[in-house]
Amino acid sequence: MTSPVQIEKITSRQNAWYKELRDWSYSSGLHKDKQKIWLEGDHLCEAARLKGFRFDTVVFRDDCQHDLITSWSHVDSKFLQVSASVMAGLSSLNSSPMMAAVACLPTKPAFNPHICTVVLDQLQDPGNAGSIIRSTAAFGFKQMLTTPHSVGLWTHKVVRAAMGAHFALNIIENISIEEIQSTPLSVVLTSSHHGIFLDELVTNQKLPTPIAWIFGHEGRGHSSQWADKHCQTIRIKQTGGEESLNVAAAAAICLHASATQRD
């Protein structure tokens, strides 16, 4: 197969490049210097490319469509081509993708205290984090923060669960609760047990703005460090009589409410 780009072919799992890339795929997916990430699949790679991410290495399976390689020909990167079996050794997916890449993260954005923001407060589950990232992007928020001890948002499982939504957001990790509360943001905590009902706030157009929605740990909820005098607590009315919403579902409802009021 011919291609307009210079591609190094890897056929053995003993190859030095294979061993280096395998270290990526079997790690959390985030390089130790936290400036590069491992992406699997053409959807994630393309989403990052469209947002202007730079690429260190791009890897294609040798049975992928010629057009896929051609579409990446203008990207300044090292290109590798591997067999399906070698890609299977690199991939953490059940079915090995047609391409993968090592992408360079952009410079860490500055925390903007004047725009509506989503905060993950010690949230741990990668699937929940990915789902909330998708909802954050879908409902027009541009900034996501995490407090210390939250799941890493650029790790494999979170990136896969978010399906490319990372690349629509400014993501800033490990921001202290004190710093968030010192800003003009109106902090709104979510709770299953107490607080104003969300539907009442929406009906009366009383959701504050700019808002910081806080979504806490799956088991114990938000941190006790949030000072009540700086926060408002809301809950979602569950007319079925069961407290059955997980944090990702609750976040989608809350963020949709903000989008509805804003629109």
Foldseek 3Di string as FASTA:
>chain_A
DDAPADEAEDEDCVDPVLVVLLVCQPPQQADPVRFKGKFFAPQQVVLCVVLPWAFAEKEFEPPDDRVVRHVCRVGPYHYYYYHLVSQVSNHPDPHRYRMMTIITHDDQDDDDLAAAEEEEELAEDLLLLLLLLLLCQVLPHAEYEYAPNHHDCRTDSNSVNVRSSVSRHRYYYHDHLVVNLVGPAQEEFEDAPDFAELVVCLVVLNDDPPHYYYFYYQPPTHDPPNDPVRHGYYYHDDVVPDSPDTRSRVSSVNSVSVSVSVD
